Structure formats: structure tokens, C-alpha cells
All heavy atoms as atom14 arrays in JSON, in Angstrom:
{
  "sequence": "GLALAGEQLSAASLLGITGAVALTGFSGFYLALGIPTAFLLVLLIVA",
  "atom14_mask": [
    [1, 1, 1, 1, 0, 0, 0, 0, 0, 0, 0, 0, 0, 0],
    [1, 1, 1, 1, 1, 1, 1, 1, 0, 0, 0, 0, 0, 0],
    [1, 1, 1, 1, 1, 0, 0, 0, 0, 0, 0, 0, 0, 0],
    [1, 1, 1, 1, 1, 1, 1, 1, 0, 0, 0, 0, 0, 0],
    [1, 1, 1, 1, 1, 0, 0, 0, 0, 0, 0, 0, 0, 0],
    [1, 1, 1, 1, 0, 0, 0, 0, 0, 0, 0, 0, 0, 0],
    [1, 1, 1, 1, 1, 1, 1, 1, 1, 0, 0, 0, 0, 0],
    [1, 1, 1, 1, 1, 1, 1, 1, 1, 0, 0, 0, 0, 0],
    [1, 1, 1, 1, 1, 1, 1, 1, 0, 0, 0, 0, 0, 0],
    [1, 1, 1, 1, 1, 1, 0, 0, 0, 0, 0, 0, 0, 0],
    [1, 1, 1, 1, 1, 0, 0, 0, 0, 0, 0, 0, 0, 0],
    [1, 1, 1, 1, 1, 0, 0, 0, 0, 0, 0, 0, 0, 0],
    [1, 1, 1, 1, 1, 1, 0, 0, 0, 0, 0, 0, 0, 0],
    [1, 1, 1, 1, 1, 1, 1, 1, 0, 0, 0, 0, 0, 0],
    [1, 1, 1, 1, 1, 1, 1, 1, 0, 0, 0, 0, 0, 0],
    [1, 1, 1, 1, 0, 0, 0, 0, 0, 0, 0, 0, 0, 0],
    [1, 1, 1, 1, 1, 1, 1, 1, 0, 0, 0, 0, 0, 0],
    [1, 1, 1, 1, 1, 1, 1, 0, 0, 0, 0, 0, 0, 0],
    [1, 1, 1, 1, 0, 0, 0, 0, 0, 0, 0, 0, 0, 0],
    [1, 1, 1, 1, 1, 0, 0, 0, 0, 0, 0, 0, 0, 0],
    [1, 1, 1, 1, 1, 1, 1, 0, 0, 0, 0, 0, 0, 0],
    [1, 1, 1, 1, 1, 0, 0, 0, 0, 0, 0, 0, 0, 0],
    [1, 1, 1, 1, 1, 1, 1, 1, 0, 0, 0, 0, 0, 0],
    [1, 1, 1, 1, 1, 1, 1, 0, 0, 0, 0, 0, 0, 0],
    [1, 1, 1, 1, 0, 0, 0, 0, 0, 0, 0, 0, 0, 0],
    [1, 1, 1, 1, 1, 1, 1, 1, 1, 1, 1, 0, 0, 0],
    [1, 1, 1, 1, 1, 1, 0, 0, 0, 0, 0, 0, 0, 0],
    [1, 1, 1, 1, 0, 0, 0, 0, 0, 0, 0, 0, 0, 0],
    [1, 1, 1, 1, 1, 1, 1, 1, 1, 1, 1, 0, 0, 0],
    [1, 1, 1, 1, 1, 1, 1, 1, 1, 1, 1, 1, 0, 0],
    [1, 1, 1, 1, 1, 1, 1, 1, 0, 0, 0, 0, 0, 0],
    [1, 1, 1, 1, 1, 0, 0, 0, 0, 0, 0, 0, 0, 0],
    [1, 1, 1, 1, 1, 1, 1, 1, 0, 0, 0, 0, 0, 0],
    [1, 1, 1, 1, 0, 0, 0, 0, 0, 0, 0, 0, 0, 0],
    [1, 1, 1, 1, 1, 1, 1, 1, 0, 0, 0, 0, 0, 0],
    [1, 1, 1, 1, 1, 1, 1, 0, 0, 0, 0, 0, 0, 0],
    [1, 1, 1, 1, 1, 1, 1, 0, 0, 0, 0, 0, 0, 0],
    [1, 1, 1, 1, 1, 0, 0, 0, 0, 0, 0, 0, 0, 0],
    [1, 1, 1, 1, 1, 1, 1, 1, 1, 1, 1, 0, 0, 0],
    [1, 1, 1, 1, 1, 1, 1, 1, 0, 0, 0, 0, 0, 0],
    [1, 1, 1, 1, 1, 1, 1, 1, 0, 0, 0, 0, 0, 0],
    [1, 1, 1, 1, 1, 1, 1, 0, 0, 0, 0, 0, 0, 0],
    [1, 1, 1, 1, 1, 1, 1, 1, 0, 0, 0, 0, 0, 0],
    [1, 1, 1, 1, 1, 1, 1, 1, 0, 0, 0, 0, 0, 0],
    [1, 1, 1, 1, 1, 1, 1, 1, 0, 0, 0, 0, 0, 0],
    [1, 1, 1, 1, 1, 1, 1, 0, 0, 0, 0, 0, 0, 0],
    [1, 1, 1, 1, 1, 0, 0, 0, 0, 0, 0, 0, 0, 0]
  ],
  "atom14_positions": [
    [[163.22, 73.83, -13.54], [163.6, 74.1, -12.16], [164.99, 74.71, -12.07], [165.22, 75.67, -11.33], [0.0, 0.0, 0.0], [0.0, 0.0, 0.0], [0.0, 0.0, 0.0], [0.0, 0.0, 0.0], [0.0, 0.0, 0.0], [0.0, 0.0, 0.0], [0.0, 0.0, 0.0], [0.0, 0.0, 0.0], [0.0, 0.0, 0.0], [0.0, 0.0, 0.0]],
    [[165.93, 74.16, -12.84], [167.28, 74.73, -12.87], [167.26, 76.13, -13.46], [167.97, 77.04, -12.98], [168.21, 73.82, -13.67], [168.59, 72.49, -13.04], [169.31, 71.59, -14.03], [169.45, 72.71, -11.79], [0.0, 0.0, 0.0], [0.0, 0.0, 0.0], [0.0, 0.0, 0.0], [0.0, 0.0, 0.0], [0.0, 0.0, 0.0], [0.0, 0.0, 0.0]],
    [[166.46, 76.32, -14.51], [166.39, 77.64, -15.13], [165.72, 78.65, -14.2], [166.17, 79.81, -14.11], [165.62, 77.54, -16.45], [0.0, 0.0, 0.0], [0.0, 0.0, 0.0], [0.0, 0.0, 0.0], [0.0, 0.0, 0.0], [0.0, 0.0, 0.0], [0.0, 0.0, 0.0], [0.0, 0.0, 0.0], [0.0, 0.0, 0.0], [0.0, 0.0, 0.0]],
    [[164.66, 78.25, -13.5], [164.02, 79.13, -12.54], [164.97, 79.52, -11.43], [165.05, 80.69, -11.02], [162.79, 78.44, -11.94], [161.45, 78.63, -12.64], [160.4, 77.76, -11.97], [161.01, 80.08, -12.62], [0.0, 0.0, 0.0], [0.0, 0.0, 0.0], [0.0, 0.0, 0.0], [0.0, 0.0, 0.0], [0.0, 0.0, 0.0], [0.0, 0.0, 0.0]],
    [[165.71, 78.54, -10.92], [166.71, 78.84, -9.9], [167.75, 79.8, -10.45], [168.2, 80.74, -9.77], [167.37, 77.55, -9.41], [0.0, 0.0, 0.0], [0.0, 0.0, 0.0], [0.0, 0.0, 0.0], [0.0, 0.0, 0.0], [0.0, 0.0, 0.0], [0.0, 0.0, 0.0], [0.0, 0.0, 0.0], [0.0, 0.0, 0.0], [0.0, 0.0, 0.0]],
    [[168.14, 79.56, -11.72], [169.13, 80.42, -12.34], [168.68, 81.86, -12.45], [169.5, 82.78, -12.39], [0.0, 0.0, 0.0], [0.0, 0.0, 0.0], [0.0, 0.0, 0.0], [0.0, 0.0, 0.0], [0.0, 0.0, 0.0], [0.0, 0.0, 0.0], [0.0, 0.0, 0.0], [0.0, 0.0, 0.0], [0.0, 0.0, 0.0], [0.0, 0.0, 0.0]],
    [[167.37, 82.08, -12.62], [166.87, 83.45, -12.7], [167.12, 84.21, -11.4], [167.31, 85.43, -11.41], [165.36, 83.45, -12.99], [164.96, 82.84, -14.32], [165.31, 83.7, -15.51], [165.91, 84.79, -15.31], [165.01, 83.3, -16.65], [0.0, 0.0, 0.0], [0.0, 0.0, 0.0], [0.0, 0.0, 0.0], [0.0, 0.0, 0.0], [0.0, 0.0, 0.0]],
    [[167.13, 83.51, -10.27], [167.35, 84.16, -8.98], [168.8, 84.11, -8.53], [169.22, 84.91, -7.69], [166.45, 83.52, -7.91], [164.98, 83.62, -8.2], [164.53, 85.04, -8.45], [164.91, 85.96, -7.72], [163.73, 85.24, -9.48], [0.0, 0.0, 0.0], [0.0, 0.0, 0.0], [0.0, 0.0, 0.0], [0.0, 0.0, 0.0], [0.0, 0.0, 0.0]],
    [[169.58, 83.17, -9.06], [171.0, 83.12, -8.74], [171.71, 84.08, -9.69], [172.51, 83.69, -10.54], [171.56, 81.7, -8.9], [170.78, 80.58, -8.19], [171.53, 79.27, -8.31], [170.53, 80.92, -6.74], [0.0, 0.0, 0.0], [0.0, 0.0, 0.0], [0.0, 0.0, 0.0], [0.0, 0.0, 0.0], [0.0, 0.0, 0.0], [0.0, 0.0, 0.0]],
    [[171.41, 85.35, -9.55], [171.84, 86.36, -10.51], [172.92, 87.24, -9.9], [173.35, 87.06, -8.76], [170.64, 87.22, -10.92], [170.13, 87.89, -9.79], [0.0, 0.0, 0.0], [0.0, 0.0, 0.0], [0.0, 0.0, 0.0], [0.0, 0.0, 0.0], [0.0, 0.0, 0.0], [0.0, 0.0, 0.0], [0.0, 0.0, 0.0], [0.0, 0.0, 0.0]],
    [[173.36, 88.23, -10.69], [174.35, 89.18, -10.2], [173.8, 89.95, -9.0], [174.53, 90.24, -8.04], [174.75, 90.14, -11.31], [0.0, 0.0, 0.0], [0.0, 0.0, 0.0], [0.0, 0.0, 0.0], [0.0, 0.0, 0.0], [0.0, 0.0, 0.0], [0.0, 0.0, 0.0], [0.0, 0.0, 0.0], [0.0, 0.0, 0.0], [0.0, 0.0, 0.0]],
    [[172.52, 90.29, -9.06], [171.92, 91.03, -7.95], [171.99, 90.23, -6.66], [172.19, 90.79, -5.58], [170.47, 91.37, -8.28], [0.0, 0.0, 0.0], [0.0, 0.0, 0.0], [0.0, 0.0, 0.0], [0.0, 0.0, 0.0], [0.0, 0.0, 0.0], [0.0, 0.0, 0.0], [0.0, 0.0, 0.0], [0.0, 0.0, 0.0], [0.0, 0.0, 0.0]],
    [[171.82, 88.91, -6.76], [171.86, 88.06, -5.57], [173.29, 87.83, -5.09], [173.65, 88.15, -3.96], [171.19, 86.72, -5.87], [169.87, 86.89, -6.3], [0.0, 0.0, 0.0], [0.0, 0.0, 0.0], [0.0, 0.0, 0.0], [0.0, 0.0, 0.0], [0.0, 0.0, 0.0], [0.0, 0.0, 0.0], [0.0, 0.0, 0.0], [0.0, 0.0, 0.0]],
    [[174.11, 87.27, -5.97], [175.46, 86.87, -5.57], [176.32, 88.08, -5.19], [176.98, 88.08, -4.15], [176.13, 86.1, -6.71], [177.51, 85.52, -6.42], [177.45, 84.52, -5.28], [178.08, 84.87, -7.66], [0.0, 0.0, 0.0], [0.0, 0.0, 0.0], [0.0, 0.0, 0.0], [0.0, 0.0, 0.0], [0.0, 0.0, 0.0], [0.0, 0.0, 0.0]],
    [[176.33, 89.11, -6.02], [177.16, 90.27, -5.76], [176.5, 91.24, -4.77], [177.12, 91.71, -3.83], [177.48, 91.0, -7.06], [178.14, 90.18, -8.18], [178.41, 91.06, -9.38], [179.42, 89.53, -7.7], [0.0, 0.0, 0.0], [0.0, 0.0, 0.0], [0.0, 0.0, 0.0], [0.0, 0.0, 0.0], [0.0, 0.0, 0.0], [0.0, 0.0, 0.0]],
    [[175.22, 91.53, -5.01], [174.55, 92.55, -4.22], [174.31, 92.16, -2.78], [174.6, 92.93, -1.86], [0.0, 0.0, 0.0], [0.0, 0.0, 0.0], [0.0, 0.0, 0.0], [0.0, 0.0, 0.0], [0.0, 0.0, 0.0], [0.0, 0.0, 0.0], [0.0, 0.0, 0.0], [0.0, 0.0, 0.0], [0.0, 0.0, 0.0], [0.0, 0.0, 0.0]],
    [[173.79, 90.96, -2.53], [173.47, 90.56, -1.16], [174.74, 90.34, -0.35], [174.83, 90.75, 0.81], [172.59, 89.3, -1.17], [171.23, 89.62, -1.78], [172.4, 88.76, 0.26], [170.31, 88.42, -1.91], [0.0, 0.0, 0.0], [0.0, 0.0, 0.0], [0.0, 0.0, 0.0], [0.0, 0.0, 0.0], [0.0, 0.0, 0.0], [0.0, 0.0, 0.0]],
    [[175.74, 89.7, -0.96], [177.01, 89.51, -0.25], [177.62, 90.85, 0.14], [178.07, 91.04, 1.27], [178.0, 88.73, -1.13], [177.42, 87.49, -1.51], [179.29, 88.46, -0.39], [0.0, 0.0, 0.0], [0.0, 0.0, 0.0], [0.0, 0.0, 0.0], [0.0, 0.0, 0.0], [0.0, 0.0, 0.0], [0.0, 0.0, 0.0], [0.0, 0.0, 0.0]],
    [[177.61, 91.81, -0.79], [178.15, 93.13, -0.47], [177.33, 93.85, 0.57], [177.89, 94.54, 1.44], [0.0, 0.0, 0.0], [0.0, 0.0, 0.0], [0.0, 0.0, 0.0], [0.0, 0.0, 0.0], [0.0, 0.0, 0.0], [0.0, 0.0, 0.0], [0.0, 0.0, 0.0], [0.0, 0.0, 0.0], [0.0, 0.0, 0.0], [0.0, 0.0, 0.0]],
    [[176.01, 93.71, 0.52], [175.15, 94.38, 1.5], [175.41, 93.85, 2.91], [175.46, 94.62, 3.88], [173.69, 94.19, 1.12], [0.0, 0.0, 0.0], [0.0, 0.0, 0.0], [0.0, 0.0, 0.0], [0.0, 0.0, 0.0], [0.0, 0.0, 0.0], [0.0, 0.0, 0.0], [0.0, 0.0, 0.0], [0.0, 0.0, 0.0], [0.0, 0.0, 0.0]],
    [[175.58, 92.54, 3.05], [175.87, 91.96, 4.36], [177.24, 92.43, 4.85], [177.42, 92.77, 6.03], [175.82, 90.42, 4.31], [176.32, 89.81, 5.61], [174.4, 89.95, 4.02], [0.0, 0.0, 0.0], [0.0, 0.0, 0.0], [0.0, 0.0, 0.0], [0.0, 0.0, 0.0], [0.0, 0.0, 0.0], [0.0, 0.0, 0.0], [0.0, 0.0, 0.0]],
    [[178.23, 92.47, 3.96], [179.57, 92.89, 4.35], [179.59, 94.34, 4.82], [180.33, 94.7, 5.75], [180.53, 92.71, 3.18], [0.0, 0.0, 0.0], [0.0, 0.0, 0.0], [0.0, 0.0, 0.0], [0.0, 0.0, 0.0], [0.0, 0.0, 0.0], [0.0, 0.0, 0.0], [0.0, 0.0, 0.0], [0.0, 0.0, 0.0], [0.0, 0.0, 0.0]],
    [[178.77, 95.19, 4.22], [178.8, 96.62, 4.54], [177.82, 97.01, 5.64], [178.08, 97.94, 6.39], [178.51, 97.44, 3.29], [179.55, 97.36, 2.16], [179.11, 98.2, 0.97], [180.92, 97.8, 2.65], [0.0, 0.0, 0.0], [0.0, 0.0, 0.0], [0.0, 0.0, 0.0], [0.0, 0.0, 0.0], [0.0, 0.0, 0.0], [0.0, 0.0, 0.0]],
    [[176.69, 96.33, 5.73], [175.65, 96.75, 6.67], [175.35, 95.73, 7.75], [174.54, 95.99, 8.64], [174.34, 97.08, 5.93], [173.82, 95.89, 5.33], [174.58, 98.1, 4.83], [0.0, 0.0, 0.0], [0.0, 0.0, 0.0], [0.0, 0.0, 0.0], [0.0, 0.0, 0.0], [0.0, 0.0, 0.0], [0.0, 0.0, 0.0], [0.0, 0.0, 0.0]],
    [[175.96, 94.55, 7.68], [175.71, 93.55, 8.69], [174.4, 92.82, 8.49], [173.99, 92.55, 7.36], [0.0, 0.0, 0.0], [0.0, 0.0, 0.0], [0.0, 0.0, 0.0], [0.0, 0.0, 0.0], [0.0, 0.0, 0.0], [0.0, 0.0, 0.0], [0.0, 0.0, 0.0], [0.0, 0.0, 0.0], [0.0, 0.0, 0.0], [0.0, 0.0, 0.0]],
    [[173.7, 92.53, 9.58], [172.52, 91.69, 9.53], [171.41, 92.28, 8.66], [170.63, 91.54, 8.07], [171.98, 91.46, 10.95], [170.86, 90.46, 11.02], [171.13, 89.11, 11.1], [169.54, 90.87, 10.99], [170.1, 88.18, 11.16], [168.5, 89.95, 11.05], [168.79, 88.6, 11.13], [0.0, 0.0, 0.0], [0.0, 0.0, 0.0], [0.0, 0.0, 0.0]],
    [[171.34, 93.61, 8.57], [170.27, 94.22, 7.78], [170.35, 93.81, 6.31], [169.34, 93.77, 5.63], [170.32, 95.74, 7.9], [171.56, 96.25, 7.43], [0.0, 0.0, 0.0], [0.0, 0.0, 0.0], [0.0, 0.0, 0.0], [0.0, 0.0, 0.0], [0.0, 0.0, 0.0], [0.0, 0.0, 0.0], [0.0, 0.0, 0.0], [0.0, 0.0, 0.0]],
    [[171.57, 93.49, 5.83], [171.69, 93.02, 4.47], [171.08, 91.65, 4.25], [170.77, 91.26, 3.12], [0.0, 0.0, 0.0], [0.0, 0.0, 0.0], [0.0, 0.0, 0.0], [0.0, 0.0, 0.0], [0.0, 0.0, 0.0], [0.0, 0.0, 0.0], [0.0, 0.0, 0.0], [0.0, 0.0, 0.0], [0.0, 0.0, 0.0], [0.0, 0.0, 0.0]],
    [[170.89, 90.89, 5.36], [170.33, 89.55, 5.26], [168.87, 89.58, 4.85], [168.35, 88.61, 4.3], [170.49, 88.84, 6.61], [170.01, 87.41, 6.6], [170.62, 86.47, 5.8], [168.95, 87.01, 7.4], [170.19, 85.15, 5.79], [168.51, 85.7, 7.39], [169.14, 84.77, 6.59], [0.0, 0.0, 0.0], [0.0, 0.0, 0.0], [0.0, 0.0, 0.0]],
    [[168.19, 90.7, 5.1], [166.78, 90.79, 4.72], [166.6, 90.61, 3.21], [165.54, 90.17, 2.76], [166.18, 92.13, 5.16], [166.0, 92.25, 6.65], [166.78, 93.13, 7.39], [165.07, 91.48, 7.32], [166.62, 93.25, 8.76], [164.89, 91.58, 8.69], [165.68, 92.47, 9.41], [165.52, 92.56, 10.77], [0.0, 0.0, 0.0], [0.0, 0.0, 0.0]],
    [[167.62, 90.99, 2.45], [167.53, 90.84, 1.01], [167.39, 89.38, 0.59], [166.88, 89.08, -0.48], [168.78, 91.44, 0.34], [169.0, 92.94, 0.51], [170.36, 93.33, -0.05], [167.9, 93.73, -0.17], [0.0, 0.0, 0.0], [0.0, 0.0, 0.0], [0.0, 0.0, 0.0], [0.0, 0.0, 0.0], [0.0, 0.0, 0.0], [0.0, 0.0, 0.0]],
    [[167.88, 88.46, 1.44], [167.88, 87.04, 1.09], [166.64, 86.3, 1.57], [166.43, 85.15, 1.21], [169.13, 86.36, 1.66], [0.0, 0.0, 0.0], [0.0, 0.0, 0.0], [0.0, 0.0, 0.0], [0.0, 0.0, 0.0], [0.0, 0.0, 0.0], [0.0, 0.0, 0.0], [0.0, 0.0, 0.0], [0.0, 0.0, 0.0], [0.0, 0.0, 0.0]],
    [[165.81, 86.93, 2.4], [164.7, 86.22, 3.02], [163.45, 86.15, 2.15], [162.67, 85.21, 2.24], [164.33, 86.87, 4.36], [165.39, 86.8, 5.46], [164.89, 87.52, 6.71], [165.73, 85.36, 5.79], [0.0, 0.0, 0.0], [0.0, 0.0, 0.0], [0.0, 0.0, 0.0], [0.0, 0.0, 0.0], [0.0, 0.0, 0.0], [0.0, 0.0, 0.0]],
    [[163.25, 87.16, 1.3], [161.99, 87.25, 0.6], [161.83, 86.29, -0.55], [160.7, 85.89, -0.87], [0.0, 0.0, 0.0], [0.0, 0.0, 0.0], [0.0, 0.0, 0.0], [0.0, 0.0, 0.0], [0.0, 0.0, 0.0], [0.0, 0.0, 0.0], [0.0, 0.0, 0.0], [0.0, 0.0, 0.0], [0.0, 0.0, 0.0], [0.0, 0.0, 0.0]],
    [[162.92, 85.86, -1.18], [162.81, 85.04, -2.39], [162.19, 83.67, -2.12], [161.26, 83.26, -2.83], [164.18, 84.89, -3.08], [164.73, 86.28, -3.45], [164.07, 84.03, -4.32], [163.85, 87.05, -4.4], [0.0, 0.0, 0.0], [0.0, 0.0, 0.0], [0.0, 0.0, 0.0], [0.0, 0.0, 0.0], [0.0, 0.0, 0.0], [0.0, 0.0, 0.0]],
    [[162.67, 82.9, -1.12], [161.99, 81.61, -0.85], [160.51, 81.78, -0.53], [159.68, 80.98, -0.99], [162.78, 81.05, 0.34], [164.13, 81.68, 0.24], [163.87, 83.06, -0.27], [0.0, 0.0, 0.0], [0.0, 0.0, 0.0], [0.0, 0.0, 0.0], [0.0, 0.0, 0.0], [0.0, 0.0, 0.0], [0.0, 0.0, 0.0], [0.0, 0.0, 0.0]],
    [[160.18, 82.82, 0.24], [158.77, 83.08, 0.54], [157.99, 83.38, -0.74], [156.87, 82.9, -0.94], [158.65, 84.27, 1.5], [159.4, 84.01, 2.67], [157.2, 84.53, 1.87], [0.0, 0.0, 0.0], [0.0, 0.0, 0.0], [0.0, 0.0, 0.0], [0.0, 0.0, 0.0], [0.0, 0.0, 0.0], [0.0, 0.0, 0.0], [0.0, 0.0, 0.0]],
    [[158.61, 84.17, -1.61], [157.95, 84.54, -2.86], [157.63, 83.33, -3.71], [156.54, 83.22, -4.28], [158.83, 85.52, -3.63], [0.0, 0.0, 0.0], [0.0, 0.0, 0.0], [0.0, 0.0, 0.0], [0.0, 0.0, 0.0], [0.0, 0.0, 0.0], [0.0, 0.0, 0.0], [0.0, 0.0, 0.0], [0.0, 0.0, 0.0], [0.0, 0.0, 0.0]],
    [[158.55, 82.4, -3.81], [158.31, 81.24, -4.66], [157.33, 80.26, -4.03], [156.68, 79.49, -4.75], [159.63, 80.55, -5.01], [160.23, 81.07, -6.28], [160.96, 82.23, -6.29], [160.02, 80.41, -7.48], [161.49, 82.73, -7.46], [160.54, 80.9, -8.66], [161.28, 82.06, -8.66], [0.0, 0.0, 0.0], [0.0, 0.0, 0.0], [0.0, 0.0, 0.0]],
    [[157.22, 80.26, -2.72], [156.16, 79.47, -2.1], [154.8, 80.04, -2.52], [153.88, 79.28, -2.85], [156.3, 79.51, -0.58], [155.23, 78.75, 0.2], [155.23, 77.27, -0.16], [155.44, 78.92, 1.71], [0.0, 0.0, 0.0], [0.0, 0.0, 0.0], [0.0, 0.0, 0.0], [0.0, 0.0, 0.0], [0.0, 0.0, 0.0], [0.0, 0.0, 0.0]],
    [[154.68, 81.36, -2.54], [153.43, 81.97, -3.01], [153.2, 81.69, -4.49], [152.06, 81.44, -4.91], [153.49, 83.48, -2.77], [153.52, 83.94, -1.31], [153.66, 85.45, -1.22], [152.27, 83.48, -0.58], [0.0, 0.0, 0.0], [0.0, 0.0, 0.0], [0.0, 0.0, 0.0], [0.0, 0.0, 0.0], [0.0, 0.0, 0.0], [0.0, 0.0, 0.0]],
    [[154.26, 81.72, -5.28], [154.14, 81.39, -6.7], [153.59, 79.98, -6.87], [152.69, 79.74, -7.68], [155.5, 81.53, -7.4], [155.45, 80.92, -8.8], [155.9, 82.99, -7.5], [0.0, 0.0, 0.0], [0.0, 0.0, 0.0], [0.0, 0.0, 0.0], [0.0, 0.0, 0.0], [0.0, 0.0, 0.0], [0.0, 0.0, 0.0], [0.0, 0.0, 0.0]],
    [[154.13, 79.04, -6.11], [153.7, 77.65, -6.19], [152.22, 77.51, -5.83], [151.46, 76.8, -6.51], [154.55, 76.79, -5.27], [154.15, 75.32, -5.13], [154.29, 74.59, -6.45], [154.99, 74.64, -4.05], [0.0, 0.0, 0.0], [0.0, 0.0, 0.0], [0.0, 0.0, 0.0], [0.0, 0.0, 0.0], [0.0, 0.0, 0.0], [0.0, 0.0, 0.0]],
    [[151.81, 78.19, -4.78], [150.45, 78.03, -4.28], [149.42, 78.82, -5.08], [148.25, 78.42, -5.16], [150.38, 78.47, -2.81], [151.22, 77.66, -1.82], [151.13, 78.28, -0.43], [150.75, 76.21, -1.78], [0.0, 0.0, 0.0], [0.0, 0.0, 0.0], [0.0, 0.0, 0.0], [0.0, 0.0, 0.0], [0.0, 0.0, 0.0], [0.0, 0.0, 0.0]],
    [[149.83, 79.92, -5.71], [148.85, 80.85, -6.28], [148.82, 80.87, -7.8], [147.74, 80.79, -8.41], [149.09, 82.28, -5.73], [148.9, 82.29, -4.21], [148.17, 83.28, -6.4], [149.23, 83.62, -3.56], [0.0, 0.0, 0.0], [0.0, 0.0, 0.0], [0.0, 0.0, 0.0], [0.0, 0.0, 0.0], [0.0, 0.0, 0.0], [0.0, 0.0, 0.0]],
    [[149.98, 80.95, -8.46], [149.95, 81.26, -9.89], [150.61, 80.24, -10.81], [150.45, 80.33, -12.04], [150.57, 82.65, -10.18], [149.8, 83.74, -9.47], [152.04, 82.68, -9.81], [0.0, 0.0, 0.0], [0.0, 0.0, 0.0], [0.0, 0.0, 0.0], [0.0, 0.0, 0.0], [0.0, 0.0, 0.0], [0.0, 0.0, 0.0], [0.0, 0.0, 0.0]],
    [[151.36, 79.28, -10.28], [152.12, 78.38, -11.17], [151.21, 77.63, -12.14], [151.46, 77.61, -13.35], [152.93, 77.38, -10.33], [0.0, 0.0, 0.0], [0.0, 0.0, 0.0], [0.0, 0.0, 0.0], [0.0, 0.0, 0.0], [0.0, 0.0, 0.0], [0.0, 0.0, 0.0], [0.0, 0.0, 0.0], [0.0, 0.0, 0.0], [0.0, 0.0, 0.0]]
  ]
}
């Protein structure tokens, strides 16, 4: 679980999403919405 979380707590997440929100405002927040949804599908479908 920690390792799976670590795969998503990456440079793309920490650096990229924070920078996107700072530069583009709310539209950068869309980058953060899909991951929790994705892992719910992973849990239900393929785990």
C-alpha cells in the first residue's frame, strides 16, 4: 500500500500539479482528480 501510494506521489504529481495550479488556476486541479477514481476502478476490476 505504501509502495503503491509512492508510485503516485511522484515528481509528476508533487511538482507538476502544484505548478499547473499556480500557473493556470482551477484547471490545474483536474490533474489531481483522476487518480483516486482510477484506483477505485483498479480495486473493483483488476486487483
